[in-house]
Amino acid sequence: MKQIKLHTEIPIEPSEFKIGHSDSLFLLGSCFTENMGKRLADLEFRTMLNPFGILYNPLSMALALSYCLDDKRVGEEDLVFRDELWHSWLHHGSFSRRDKQACLDACNSAISDAHSFLQSCNTIIITYGSAWYYQLKPNSQLSTPDSQPSTLNSQFSIFNSQFSTVVANCHKVPSTFFDKRLATVDEVVAAWQPLAERIIEKGIRLIFTISPVRHQAYGAHGNQLGKAVLLLSIDKILSHFSNHQSLITYFPSYEIVVDELRDYRFYSDDMAHPSPMAEEIVWQRFQQTFMTQSTIDRCDEIDKCNRRSAHRPLHQ
């Protein structure tokens, strides 16, 4: 009797390296990264999650990782004042503050902590969200409380001047101040290949993945274009490091949700984010790919303890 298959399974070869509780994991990227990072932290892995806050485009992620590796400071020229708050063009809105110095302190403290963590880190997980990004238009200026124009003037060593005004978050500044662009494969590779070389030279393992979250603001076709650029970029980077498969690899989060699950019951009510069930399936596939059975068993025991601790008795 011919077996009927009701879904397309994405085959994933076990990774050449394994992740255990003795490892230190640095996670950077989209909101999907937040979910994976929280799971790892709850299961008592040593982690650092998004020291710049949630990031989506690979250029801003490359910049953030470069800052953390070099312990580079954010300056006043990197800030903008909007809606009674100071914001960093390089950071998520969770770093915004009413006081300018408080904003700088929050940003630079997180960078310093990340730099220290990376000294003993052995695994970095990067989750790209979309290849679409926003760039401040030339000579863009916004007034500030001290009457000084706020612009993004930092010159980033990993980018040429063309990318020196890429922002990680627009902070609700009017769209007229920005150009919306779709990164090319060559641009993403140019930003990430030198970083990957630095990371591999340190013996740190690097895992790339792509968020399955649909970026509906760019439209269905625009979302697919953005994901396509990311897929091609990672493939090109991995090809360059084909002799270092024990240190650099790709995990198909995107393909599992889009191709293997491929059903709206695996999406949340917004039809863009994976549902809790989809996240659990991706997590289990991640465990099967990167963890030994003994590590998975320990995760299960920790999870049971966490559930018991979270249980509130009906009667005291």
Protein backbone atom coordinates (compact mmCIF):
# COMPACT_ATOMS: atom_id res chain seq x y z
CA MET A 1 0.00 0.00 0.00
CA LYS A 2 1.33 3.40 -0.98
CA GLN A 3 1.73 5.70 2.00
CA ILE A 4 -0.10 8.99 1.71
CA LYS A 5 1.93 12.04 2.72
CA LEU A 6 -0.02 15.00 4.00
CA HIS A 7 2.88 17.44 4.11
CA THR A 8 6.31 18.07 2.63
CA GLU A 9 9.01 17.40 5.18
CA ILE A 10 12.12 19.56 5.12
CA PRO A 11 15.09 17.22 5.63
CA ILE A 12 17.72 18.63 7.96
CA GLU A 13 21.07 16.93 8.44
CA PRO A 14 22.33 16.87 12.05
CA SER A 15 24.80 19.68 12.62
CA GLU A 16 28.51 18.91 12.68
CA PHE A 17 28.64 20.71 16.04
CA LYS A 18 26.33 20.38 19.02
CA ILE A 19 24.99 22.88 21.53
CA GLY A 20 25.01 21.96 25.21
CA HIS A 21 24.42 23.64 28.55
CA SER A 22 28.13 24.40 28.87
CA ASP A 23 27.96 26.64 25.79
CA SER A 24 27.39 30.40 25.64
CA LEU A 25 24.99 31.58 22.95
CA PHE A 26 24.69 35.09 21.53
CA LEU A 27 21.46 35.72 19.58
CA LEU A 28 20.82 38.66 17.28
CA GLY A 29 17.92 39.50 14.99
CA SER A 30 14.18 39.65 14.53
CA CYS A 31 11.27 39.02 16.87
CA PHE A 32 11.57 35.32 16.01
CA THR A 33 14.99 35.49 17.68
CA GLU A 34 13.28 36.67 20.85
CA ASN A 35 11.17 33.53 20.96
CA MET A 36 14.11 31.19 20.41
CA GLY A 37 16.30 33.10 22.85
CA LYS A 38 13.67 33.01 25.59
CA ARG A 39 13.29 29.25 25.17
CA LEU A 40 17.04 28.76 25.51
CA ALA A 41 17.23 31.03 28.57
CA ASP A 42 14.25 29.33 30.24
CA LEU A 43 16.01 25.99 29.72
CA GLU A 44 19.07 27.32 31.57
CA PHE A 45 21.37 27.90 28.61
CA ARG A 46 23.76 30.81 29.05
CA THR A 47 22.51 33.36 26.54
CA MET A 48 22.66 36.99 25.53
CA LEU A 49 19.72 38.16 23.47
CA ASN A 50 19.54 41.18 21.17
CA PRO A 51 21.74 43.80 22.90
CA PHE A 52 20.44 46.35 20.35
CA GLY A 53 16.84 45.19 20.71
CA ILE A 54 14.89 43.55 17.90
CA LEU A 55 16.50 44.11 14.50
CA TYR A 56 15.19 43.09 11.09
CA ASN A 57 17.53 44.02 8.27
CA PRO A 58 20.93 42.33 7.83
CA LEU A 59 22.83 45.62 7.42
CA SER A 60 21.75 46.88 10.84
CA MET A 61 22.50 43.46 12.33
CA ALA A 62 26.01 43.54 10.88
CA LEU A 63 26.52 46.99 12.32
CA ALA A 64 25.24 45.93 15.74
CA LEU A 65 27.52 42.89 15.88
CA SER A 66 30.47 45.02 14.78
CA TYR A 67 29.78 47.48 17.63
CA CYS A 68 29.62 44.62 20.12
CA LEU A 69 32.80 42.95 18.88
CA ASP A 70 34.73 46.24 18.98
CA ASP A 71 33.00 47.68 22.09
CA LYS A 72 32.27 50.82 20.10
CA ARG A 73 30.34 53.66 21.74
CA VAL A 74 27.13 55.29 20.57
CA GLY A 75 27.45 59.09 20.47
CA GLU A 76 25.07 62.03 20.54
CA GLU A 77 25.29 62.23 16.75
CA ASP A 78 23.58 58.82 16.60
CA LEU A 79 20.48 60.05 18.46
CA VAL A 80 17.26 61.71 17.36
CA PHE A 81 14.62 63.49 19.46
CA ARG A 82 11.06 62.54 18.61
CA ASP A 83 7.78 62.49 20.59
CA GLU A 84 9.48 63.71 23.79
CA LEU A 85 11.99 60.87 23.70
CA TRP A 86 15.60 60.42 22.68
CA HIS A 87 16.11 57.50 20.31
CA SER A 88 19.15 55.77 18.86
CA TRP A 89 19.04 55.29 15.10
CA LEU A 90 20.98 52.07 15.67
CA HIS A 91 18.68 50.56 18.31
CA HIS A 92 15.16 49.33 18.89
CA GLY A 93 12.71 51.67 20.63
CA SER A 94 13.15 49.77 23.91
CA PHE A 95 16.34 51.84 24.38
CA SER A 96 14.56 55.20 24.00
CA ARG A 97 14.57 57.51 27.02
CA ARG A 98 13.29 60.95 27.99
CA ASP A 99 16.80 62.01 28.96
CA LYS A 100 19.55 62.10 26.34
CA GLN A 101 22.28 60.81 28.65
CA ALA A 102 20.03 58.03 29.91
CA CYS A 103 19.51 56.90 26.31
CA LEU A 104 23.26 56.89 25.64
CA ASP A 105 23.93 55.06 28.90
CA ALA A 106 21.36 52.37 28.11
CA CYS A 107 22.78 51.81 24.62
CA ASN A 108 26.42 51.79 25.63
CA SER A 109 25.88 49.67 28.73
CA ALA A 110 24.24 46.98 26.59
CA ILE A 111 27.12 47.16 24.07
CA SER A 112 29.68 46.82 26.87
CA ASP A 113 27.86 43.82 28.36
CA ALA A 114 27.64 42.20 24.90
CA HIS A 115 31.35 42.79 24.28
CA SER A 116 32.19 41.08 27.56
CA PHE A 117 29.86 38.18 26.79
CA LEU A 118 31.42 37.65 23.38
CA GLN A 119 34.83 37.08 24.95
CA SER A 120 33.67 33.69 26.21
CA CYS A 121 30.87 33.03 23.71
CA ASN A 122 31.22 30.02 21.41
CA THR A 123 28.01 30.19 19.36
CA ILE A 124 26.31 33.10 17.57
CA ILE A 125 22.82 32.71 16.11
CA ILE A 126 21.75 35.31 13.53
CA THR A 127 18.11 35.54 12.39
CA TYR A 128 17.53 37.79 9.39
CA GLY A 129 14.04 39.27 9.11
CA SER A 130 13.85 41.17 5.83
CA ALA A 131 16.27 42.60 3.27
CA TRP A 132 14.26 45.84 3.15
CA TYR A 133 15.84 48.70 5.07
CA TYR A 134 15.48 52.46 5.57
CA GLN A 135 18.18 55.03 4.98
CA LEU A 136 18.18 58.67 6.06
CA LYS A 137 18.07 60.99 3.10
CA PRO A 138 21.10 63.26 2.59
CA ASN A 139 21.13 66.29 4.88
CA SER A 140 18.09 65.08 6.84
CA GLN A 141 17.76 67.21 9.95
CA LEU A 142 15.29 67.18 12.84
CA SER A 143 15.16 69.89 15.49
CA THR A 144 16.09 68.95 19.06
CA PRO A 145 15.36 70.58 22.46
CA ASP A 146 18.78 72.27 22.44
CA SER A 147 18.10 73.65 18.93
CA GLN A 148 20.84 71.49 17.45
CA PRO A 149 20.05 69.51 14.31
CA SER A 150 20.02 65.75 14.81
CA THR A 151 21.60 63.69 12.05
CA LEU A 152 23.29 60.33 11.75
CA ASN A 153 26.92 61.15 11.08
CA SER A 154 28.75 58.06 12.26
CA GLN A 155 31.10 56.52 9.74
CA PHE A 156 30.92 52.76 10.09
CA SER A 157 34.08 50.89 9.26
CA ILE A 158 32.25 47.86 7.86
CA PHE A 159 30.26 49.94 5.39
CA ASN A 160 31.20 52.45 2.77
CA SER A 161 29.60 55.90 2.83
CA GLN A 162 26.61 54.60 0.89
CA PHE A 163 25.44 52.74 4.00
CA SER A 164 26.56 55.17 6.69
CA THR A 165 22.97 56.34 7.26
CA VAL A 166 21.13 53.01 7.45
CA VAL A 167 18.77 53.03 10.43
CA ALA A 168 17.65 50.06 12.49
CA ASN A 169 14.39 51.75 13.48
CA CYS A 170 12.58 54.79 12.11
CA HIS A 171 11.08 55.67 15.54
CA LYS A 172 7.93 57.06 13.89
CA VAL A 173 9.89 59.83 12.18
CA PRO A 174 7.95 60.85 9.01
CA SER A 175 8.70 58.70 5.97
CA THR A 176 9.76 61.80 4.03
CA PHE A 177 13.08 61.65 5.90
CA PHE A 178 13.94 58.20 4.53
CA ASP A 179 14.56 56.23 1.38
CA LYS A 180 13.21 52.68 1.48
CA ARG A 181 15.58 50.26 -0.22
CA LEU A 182 15.90 46.56 -0.90
CA ALA A 183 19.41 45.36 -0.15
CA THR A 184 21.14 43.39 -2.87
CA VAL A 185 22.77 40.03 -2.33
CA ASP A 186 26.21 41.56 -2.90
CA GLU A 187 25.53 44.27 -0.30
CA VAL A 188 24.52 41.77 2.36
CA VAL A 189 27.49 39.53 1.59
CA ALA A 190 29.89 42.51 1.66
CA ALA A 191 28.62 43.44 5.14
CA TRP A 192 28.62 39.92 6.58
CA GLN A 193 31.49 38.03 5.01
CA PRO A 194 34.21 40.01 6.84
CA LEU A 195 32.29 39.61 10.10
CA ALA A 196 31.95 35.87 9.53
CA GLU A 197 35.69 35.65 8.95
CA ARG A 198 36.37 37.43 12.25
CA ILE A 199 33.99 35.13 14.09
CA ILE A 200 35.36 31.92 12.57
CA GLU A 201 38.95 33.02 13.25
CA LYS A 202 37.99 33.23 16.93
CA GLY A 203 36.66 29.67 16.78
CA ILE A 204 33.10 30.85 17.38
CA ARG A 205 30.37 28.85 15.67
CA LEU A 206 27.90 30.78 13.52
CA ILE A 207 24.31 29.75 12.76
CA PHE A 208 22.28 31.70 10.20
CA THR A 209 18.54 31.42 9.95
CA ILE A 210 15.67 33.43 8.44
CA SER A 211 12.56 34.44 10.31
CA PRO A 212 9.33 32.89 8.97
CA VAL A 213 7.43 36.04 9.98
CA ARG A 214 5.74 37.65 6.97
CA HIS A 215 6.55 41.34 6.61
CA GLN A 216 3.17 42.40 5.28
CA ALA A 217 4.04 46.10 5.15
CA TYR A 218 6.03 45.37 1.97
CA GLY A 219 3.18 43.45 0.34
CA ALA A 220 3.13 39.76 -0.51
CA HIS A 221 5.52 40.13 -3.44
CA GLY A 222 7.79 42.56 -1.59
CA ASN A 223 8.01 40.20 1.37
CA GLN A 224 9.06 37.34 -0.90
CA LEU A 225 11.66 39.52 -2.61
CA GLY A 226 13.14 40.39 0.77
CA LYS A 227 13.27 36.75 1.85
CA ALA A 228 14.81 35.75 -1.49
CA VAL A 229 17.67 38.21 -1.05
CA LEU A 230 18.34 36.80 2.42
CA LEU A 231 18.31 33.20 1.21
CA LEU A 232 20.69 33.93 -1.65
CA SER A 233 22.99 35.98 0.59
CA ILE A 234 23.33 33.24 3.19
CA ASP A 235 23.91 30.66 0.48
CA LYS A 236 26.71 32.78 -0.97
CA ILE A 237 28.31 33.28 2.45
CA LEU A 238 28.15 29.57 3.24
CA SER A 239 29.68 28.75 -0.16
CA HIS A 240 32.61 31.01 0.66
CA PHE A 241 33.18 29.12 3.92
CA SER A 242 32.54 25.65 2.52
CA ASN A 243 35.71 24.37 4.22
CA HIS A 244 34.45 25.48 7.65
CA GLN A 245 31.20 23.54 7.96
CA SER A 246 32.10 22.64 11.52
CA LEU A 247 31.84 26.33 12.40
CA ILE A 248 29.20 27.88 10.12
CA THR A 249 25.81 26.56 9.03
CA TYR A 250 22.19 27.40 8.16
CA PHE A 251 19.03 26.32 9.96
CA PRO A 252 15.83 26.42 7.83
CA SER A 253 13.31 28.04 10.20
CA TYR A 254 11.72 29.83 7.26
CA GLU A 255 11.37 26.71 5.14
CA ILE A 256 9.90 24.65 7.98
CA VAL A 257 7.02 27.08 8.48
CA VAL A 258 6.45 28.12 4.86
CA ASP A 259 7.02 24.79 3.07
CA GLU A 260 6.60 22.04 5.64
CA LEU A 261 3.73 23.39 7.78
CA ARG A 262 2.18 25.52 5.02
CA ASP A 263 -1.21 26.04 6.66
CA TYR A 264 -2.88 29.06 8.27
CA ARG A 265 -3.52 27.06 11.43
CA PHE A 266 0.21 27.45 12.04
CA TYR A 267 -0.06 31.26 12.03
CA SER A 268 -1.27 33.66 14.72
CA ASP A 269 -4.38 35.79 14.28
CA ASP A 270 -2.43 38.43 12.33
CA MET A 271 -1.64 35.77 9.67
CA ALA A 272 1.98 36.95 9.75
CA HIS A 273 3.60 35.49 12.86
CA PRO A 274 3.96 31.75 13.50
CA SER A 275 1.52 30.32 16.03
CA PRO A 276 2.75 28.83 19.34
CA MET A 277 2.40 25.38 17.78
CA ALA A 278 4.57 26.37 14.81
CA GLU A 279 7.17 27.87 17.14
CA GLU A 280 7.21 24.64 19.14
CA ILE A 281 7.70 22.56 15.98
CA VAL A 282 10.59 24.76 14.82
CA TRP A 283 12.10 24.56 18.31
CA GLN A 284 11.93 20.76 18.30
CA ARG A 285 13.59 20.62 14.88
CA PHE A 286 16.29 22.98 16.20
CA GLN A 287 16.90 20.64 19.12
CA GLN A 288 17.09 17.60 16.84
CA THR A 289 19.60 19.41 14.63
CA PHE A 290 21.92 20.94 17.21
CA MET A 291 21.53 18.97 20.46
CA THR A 292 22.46 15.50 21.61
CA GLN A 293 19.75 13.30 23.08
CA SER A 294 21.17 13.81 26.57
CA THR A 295 20.88 17.59 26.18
CA ILE A 296 17.30 17.25 24.91
CA ASP A 297 16.46 15.02 27.88
CA ARG A 298 17.90 17.60 30.26
CA CYS A 299 15.84 20.32 28.54
CA ASP A 300 12.71 18.20 29.06
CA GLU A 301 13.48 17.84 32.77
CA ILE A 302 14.09 21.57 33.19
CA ASP A 303 10.88 22.31 31.30
CA LYS A 304 8.92 20.01 33.63
CA CYS A 305 10.39 21.79 36.65
CA ASN A 306 9.53 25.18 35.15
CA ARG A 307 5.94 24.09 34.56
CA ARG A 308 5.61 22.81 38.13
CA SER A 309 7.03 26.07 39.49
CA ALA A 310 4.60 28.09 37.38
CA HIS A 311 1.61 26.07 38.60
CA ARG A 312 -0.47 27.92 41.17
CA PRO A 313 -2.37 25.71 43.63
CA LEU A 314 -6.10 26.27 43.86
CA HIS A 315 -5.98 26.20 47.67
CA GLN A 316 -3.28 27.66 49.88
